[in-house]
N, C-alpha and C. Protein backbone atom coordinates (compact mmCIF):
# COMPACT_ATOMS: atom_id res chain seq x y z
N UNK A 1 -50.89 9.81 37.35
CA UNK A 1 -49.83 10.01 38.23
C UNK A 1 -50.33 10.99 39.61
N UNK A 2 -50.31 11.03 40.67
CA UNK A 2 -50.85 12.00 42.02
C UNK A 2 -49.30 12.14 42.55
N UNK A 3 -49.63 13.54 42.67
CA UNK A 3 -48.81 14.54 43.68
C UNK A 3 -49.80 14.59 45.08
N UNK A 4 -48.48 13.81 46.40
CA UNK A 4 -49.43 13.84 47.20
C UNK A 4 -47.87 14.14 48.16
N UNK A 5 -48.62 15.21 48.52
CA UNK A 5 -48.01 16.37 50.08
C UNK A 5 -48.57 15.91 51.45
N UNK A 6 -47.70 15.24 52.13
CA UNK A 6 -47.93 14.32 53.31
C UNK A 6 -46.84 15.88 54.78
N UNK A 7 -48.23 16.78 55.05
CA UNK A 7 -47.80 17.27 56.15
C UNK A 7 -47.72 16.79 57.58
N UNK A 8 -46.03 16.12 58.06
CA UNK A 8 -45.77 15.87 59.35
C UNK A 8 -46.30 16.15 60.44
N UNK A 9 -45.98 15.86 61.39
CA UNK A 9 -46.47 15.70 62.74
C UNK A 9 -45.45 17.25 63.41
N UNK A 10 -45.37 18.16 64.19
CA UNK A 10 -44.42 19.29 63.97
C UNK A 10 -44.00 18.61 64.90
N UNK A 11 -41.90 18.80 64.96
CA UNK A 11 -41.42 18.46 66.01
C UNK A 11 -40.93 20.11 67.13
N UNK A 12 -40.51 19.39 68.07
CA UNK A 12 -39.29 20.48 68.58
C UNK A 12 -38.36 20.49 68.62
N UNK A 13 -37.26 21.37 68.45
CA UNK A 13 -36.05 21.82 68.26
C UNK A 13 -35.29 22.88 68.41
N UNK A 14 -33.84 23.14 68.83
CA UNK A 14 -33.83 24.08 69.27
C UNK A 14 -34.13 24.08 71.01
N UNK A 15 -33.64 25.43 71.96
CA UNK A 15 -33.25 25.20 72.70
C UNK A 15 -34.25 24.95 73.38
N UNK A 16 -34.04 24.28 74.78
CA UNK A 16 -35.57 23.92 75.58
C UNK A 16 -37.09 24.43 76.04
N UNK A 17 -35.99 26.36 76.01
CA UNK A 17 -37.26 26.95 76.24
C UNK A 17 -38.38 27.26 74.92
N UNK A 18 -37.69 27.19 73.94
CA UNK A 18 -38.54 26.96 72.45
C UNK A 18 -38.88 25.97 72.05
N UNK A 19 -40.64 26.28 71.83
CA UNK A 19 -41.90 25.21 71.92
C UNK A 19 -42.11 25.27 70.79
N UNK A 20 -41.89 25.36 70.10
CA UNK A 20 -42.01 25.62 68.26
C UNK A 20 -41.39 24.75 67.70
N UNK A 21 -41.99 24.06 67.03
CA UNK A 21 -41.48 23.07 65.94
C UNK A 21 -41.87 23.05 64.83
N UNK A 22 -41.13 22.38 64.18
CA UNK A 22 -41.56 22.62 62.29
C UNK A 22 -41.97 21.24 61.74
N UNK A 23 -42.75 21.44 60.92
CA UNK A 23 -43.50 20.13 60.50
C UNK A 23 -42.88 20.01 59.19
N UNK A 24 -42.00 18.21 59.27
CA UNK A 24 -41.75 18.03 57.35
C UNK A 24 -42.75 17.51 56.56
N UNK A 25 -42.62 18.12 55.70
CA UNK A 25 -42.98 17.59 54.66
C UNK A 25 -42.93 16.95 53.86
N UNK A 26 -42.91 16.13 53.70
CA UNK A 26 -43.13 14.76 52.65
C UNK A 26 -43.98 15.23 51.22
N UNK A 27 -43.17 15.14 50.30
CA UNK A 27 -43.83 14.77 48.42
C UNK A 27 -43.46 13.34 48.04
N UNK A 28 -45.04 13.06 47.89
CA UNK A 28 -44.70 11.52 46.85
C UNK A 28 -44.91 11.61 45.35
N UNK A 29 -44.57 10.45 44.69
CA UNK A 29 -45.46 11.05 42.97
C UNK A 29 -45.89 10.17 43.42
N UNK A 30 -46.78 8.78 43.34
CA UNK A 30 -47.62 7.81 43.57
C UNK A 30 -48.08 7.50 42.16
N UNK A 31 -47.89 6.02 41.55
CA UNK A 31 -47.76 6.18 40.34
C UNK A 31 -50.06 6.11 40.23
N UNK A 32 -49.50 5.95 38.88
CA UNK A 32 -50.72 5.63 38.48
C UNK A 32 -51.37 4.52 37.52
N UNK A 33 -52.21 4.72 35.83
CA UNK A 33 -52.43 4.32 35.04
C UNK A 33 -51.64 5.00 34.21
N UNK A 34 -50.74 4.36 33.49
CA UNK A 34 -50.13 4.50 32.07
C UNK A 34 -48.34 6.01 32.98
N UNK A 35 -48.40 4.98 34.47
CA UNK A 35 -47.41 6.18 35.12
C UNK A 35 -46.19 5.65 34.31
N UNK A 36 -44.99 6.18 34.73
CA UNK A 36 -43.86 5.70 34.35
C UNK A 36 -42.61 5.08 34.93
N UNK A 37 -43.62 5.30 36.51
CA UNK A 37 -42.97 5.07 37.33
C UNK A 37 -43.12 3.76 37.48
N UNK A 38 -41.95 2.33 37.72
CA UNK A 38 -41.60 1.26 38.04
C UNK A 38 -43.10 0.62 39.20
N UNK A 39 -43.39 -0.31 38.93
CA UNK A 39 -44.53 -0.71 39.32
C UNK A 39 -44.66 -0.89 41.22
N UNK A 40 -45.62 -0.26 41.89
CA UNK A 40 -45.06 -0.69 43.10
C UNK A 40 -43.86 0.31 43.61
N UNK A 41 -43.64 1.44 42.81
CA UNK A 41 -42.79 2.41 43.43
C UNK A 41 -43.13 3.55 43.71
N UNK A 42 -42.67 4.00 44.36
CA UNK A 42 -43.46 5.79 45.26
C UNK A 42 -42.07 6.76 45.08
N UNK A 43 -41.72 8.01 44.55
CA UNK A 43 -41.14 8.33 44.29
C UNK A 43 -41.25 9.34 45.41
N UNK A 44 -40.46 9.02 47.07
CA UNK A 44 -40.70 10.92 47.87
C UNK A 44 -39.55 11.96 47.57
N UNK A 45 -39.44 12.86 48.23
CA UNK A 45 -38.53 13.39 48.69
C UNK A 45 -39.82 14.75 50.27
N UNK A 46 -38.52 14.58 51.14
CA UNK A 46 -38.68 15.32 52.91
C UNK A 46 -38.33 16.57 52.92
N UNK A 47 -38.54 17.52 52.88
CA UNK A 47 -38.45 19.44 53.77
C UNK A 47 -39.16 19.51 54.51
N UNK A 48 -37.73 20.03 55.44
CA UNK A 48 -39.22 20.47 57.03
C UNK A 48 -39.15 22.00 57.13
N UNK A 49 -38.44 22.07 55.58
CA UNK A 49 -38.49 24.30 55.39
C UNK A 49 -39.54 24.80 54.01
N UNK A 50 -40.72 25.06 54.89
CA UNK A 50 -41.72 25.06 53.28
C UNK A 50 -41.11 26.03 52.08
N UNK A 51 -40.21 26.66 52.69
CA UNK A 51 -38.91 27.95 51.55
C UNK A 51 -38.76 27.78 51.08
N UNK A 52 -38.29 26.07 50.46
CA UNK A 52 -37.75 25.44 50.26
C UNK A 52 -38.44 24.18 48.66
N UNK A 53 -40.35 24.09 49.74
CA UNK A 53 -41.33 23.63 49.17
C UNK A 53 -41.17 23.18 47.33
N UNK A 54 -41.45 24.17 46.93
CA UNK A 54 -41.40 24.44 45.38
C UNK A 54 -39.47 24.32 44.29
N UNK A 55 -38.88 24.95 45.37
CA UNK A 55 -37.92 24.24 44.87
C UNK A 55 -37.30 22.47 44.67
N UNK A 56 -37.85 21.95 46.08
CA UNK A 56 -37.43 20.85 46.42
C UNK A 56 -38.20 19.51 45.20
N UNK A 57 -39.83 19.88 44.90
CA UNK A 57 -41.06 19.38 43.84
C UNK A 57 -40.53 19.54 42.58
N UNK A 58 -39.80 20.68 42.67
CA UNK A 58 -39.16 21.03 40.75
C UNK A 58 -37.40 20.22 40.61
N UNK A 59 -37.48 19.99 41.72
CA UNK A 59 -35.81 18.81 42.02
C UNK A 59 -36.54 17.46 41.37
N UNK A 60 -37.67 17.11 42.46
CA UNK A 60 -38.14 15.55 42.47
C UNK A 60 -38.87 15.54 40.56
N UNK A 61 -39.21 16.55 39.88
CA UNK A 61 -40.17 16.47 39.08
C UNK A 61 -38.80 16.41 37.66
N UNK A 62 -38.20 16.99 37.95
CA UNK A 62 -36.37 17.28 36.91
C UNK A 62 -35.83 15.86 36.85
N UNK A 63 -35.43 15.31 37.84
CA UNK A 63 -34.96 14.24 38.28
C UNK A 63 -35.81 12.51 37.82
N UNK A 64 -36.47 13.12 37.64
CA UNK A 64 -37.52 11.78 37.69
C UNK A 64 -38.72 11.40 36.29
N UNK A 65 -38.51 13.14 35.71
CA UNK A 65 -38.28 13.01 34.32
C UNK A 65 -39.97 13.29 34.10
N UNK A 66 -40.33 14.31 34.98
CA UNK A 66 -42.30 14.05 35.20
C UNK A 66 -41.98 15.12 35.12
N UNK A 67 -43.01 15.98 33.81
CA UNK A 67 -43.85 17.23 34.12
C UNK A 67 -44.85 17.19 34.34
N UNK A 68 -45.13 18.93 35.01
CA UNK A 68 -46.39 18.81 35.55
C UNK A 68 -47.56 18.36 35.11
N UNK A 69 -47.53 19.20 33.59
CA UNK A 69 -48.86 18.77 33.26
C UNK A 69 -49.79 17.70 33.10
N UNK A 70 -47.90 16.66 33.31
CA UNK A 70 -49.23 15.05 33.75
C UNK A 70 -49.63 14.24 34.79
N UNK A 71 -49.43 14.75 35.34
CA UNK A 71 -50.41 15.21 37.06
C UNK A 71 -51.54 14.83 36.63
N UNK A 72 -51.69 13.99 36.90
CA UNK A 72 -54.01 13.49 37.22
C UNK A 72 -54.34 14.39 38.05
N UNK A 73 -53.85 13.74 39.80
CA UNK A 73 -54.61 14.71 40.91
C UNK A 73 -53.58 14.73 41.67
N UNK A 74 -53.58 15.80 42.36
CA UNK A 74 -52.06 16.95 43.04
C UNK A 74 -53.40 16.55 44.63
N UNK A 75 -52.93 16.05 46.29
CA UNK A 75 -53.61 16.20 47.43
C UNK A 75 -53.37 16.12 48.88
N UNK A 76 -53.94 17.01 49.80
CA UNK A 76 -52.61 17.14 51.01
C UNK A 76 -53.55 16.06 51.88
N UNK A 77 -52.37 15.29 52.35
CA UNK A 77 -52.23 15.06 54.56
C UNK A 77 -52.15 15.25 54.82
N UNK A 78 -52.55 15.71 55.96
CA UNK A 78 -51.80 16.33 57.34
C UNK A 78 -52.36 15.41 58.32
N UNK A 79 -50.74 15.21 59.01
CA UNK A 79 -51.23 14.72 60.35
C UNK A 79 -52.43 15.32 61.38
N UNK A 80 -51.96 14.71 62.35
CA UNK A 80 -52.91 15.94 63.56
C UNK A 80 -51.33 15.78 64.08
N UNK A 81 -51.69 16.91 64.67
CA UNK A 81 -50.57 17.89 65.38
C UNK A 81 -49.48 18.89 64.28
N UNK A 82 -49.97 18.46 63.01
CA UNK A 82 -48.78 19.32 61.95
C UNK A 82 -49.21 20.56 62.58
N UNK A 83 -47.50 21.71 62.09
CA UNK A 83 -47.99 23.45 62.09
C UNK A 83 -48.91 23.68 61.02
N UNK A 84 -49.55 24.37 62.25
CA UNK A 84 -50.56 25.42 61.00
C UNK A 84 -50.33 26.25 59.85
N UNK A 85 -49.48 26.76 60.19
CA UNK A 85 -48.66 27.68 59.31
C UNK A 85 -47.50 26.88 57.86
N UNK A 86 -47.00 25.89 58.05
CA UNK A 86 -47.23 24.74 57.44
C UNK A 86 -48.27 24.43 56.24
N UNK A 87 -48.94 23.92 57.59
CA UNK A 87 -50.62 23.41 56.26
C UNK A 87 -50.82 24.60 55.91
N UNK A 88 -51.42 25.91 55.58
CA UNK A 88 -51.78 26.85 55.39
C UNK A 88 -50.98 26.99 53.79
N UNK A 89 -49.15 26.65 54.36
CA UNK A 89 -48.86 26.91 53.18
C UNK A 89 -49.27 26.28 52.10
N UNK A 90 -48.68 25.41 52.30
CA UNK A 90 -48.28 23.32 51.63
C UNK A 90 -50.25 23.63 50.53
N UNK A 91 -51.25 23.78 52.07
CA UNK A 91 -52.27 24.23 51.51
C UNK A 91 -52.80 25.15 49.81
N UNK A 92 -51.62 25.92 49.68
CA UNK A 92 -52.16 27.42 49.23
C UNK A 92 -51.05 27.00 47.84
N UNK A 93 -50.07 26.26 48.31
CA UNK A 93 -49.87 25.59 46.68
C UNK A 93 -50.05 25.16 46.19
N UNK A 94 -51.21 24.15 46.28
CA UNK A 94 -51.78 22.89 46.21
C UNK A 94 -52.92 23.50 45.63
N UNK A 95 -52.93 24.38 45.79
CA UNK A 95 -54.57 24.88 44.82
C UNK A 95 -53.57 26.35 43.85
N UNK A 96 -53.00 26.24 43.86
CA UNK A 96 -51.80 27.36 42.48
C UNK A 96 -51.85 25.71 42.02
N UNK A 97 -51.58 25.17 42.65
CA UNK A 97 -50.84 23.62 41.19
C UNK A 97 -51.70 23.41 40.35
N UNK A 98 -53.78 22.96 41.46
CA UNK A 98 -54.37 22.84 40.71
C UNK A 98 -55.15 22.94 39.42
N UNK A 99 -54.44 25.08 39.81
CA UNK A 99 -55.54 25.50 38.39
C UNK A 99 -55.13 25.58 37.26
N UNK A 100 -53.62 24.68 37.45
CA UNK A 100 -52.82 24.16 35.75
C UNK A 100 -53.30 23.42 35.73
N UNK A 101 -53.86 22.06 36.48
CA UNK A 101 -54.07 20.60 35.85
C UNK A 101 -55.40 21.29 35.42
C-alpha cells in the first residue's frame, strides 16, 4: 500500500489585502499488491491546516484499520504554486515516516 501526500496550489483567503494563501494537503492511500482496499478504490482525506496533518493521517489509518508498518512506500506530489511552508512541513513528515519503514 502506498501513502501519497499531495500538496495543492495555495489559495487566497481572508481580506482582499491579504495575499497569503494556504495549500490544501490531500492524503491518499493507494492500493498495491496484497492491499486491504477494494480494487480500484483509493482512500482520501484533505486538510488545509498543516497543524492537523498528523492527526488527519492518524484518523485515516485508524478508520480503515491500516497499520503504518503495512505501508510499502510514502511519497510527496507537489503542484506548481504550492506554499513553501506547507511543502517543507510535508517533506519533513514524509522523511520522518520513511525512517520507520
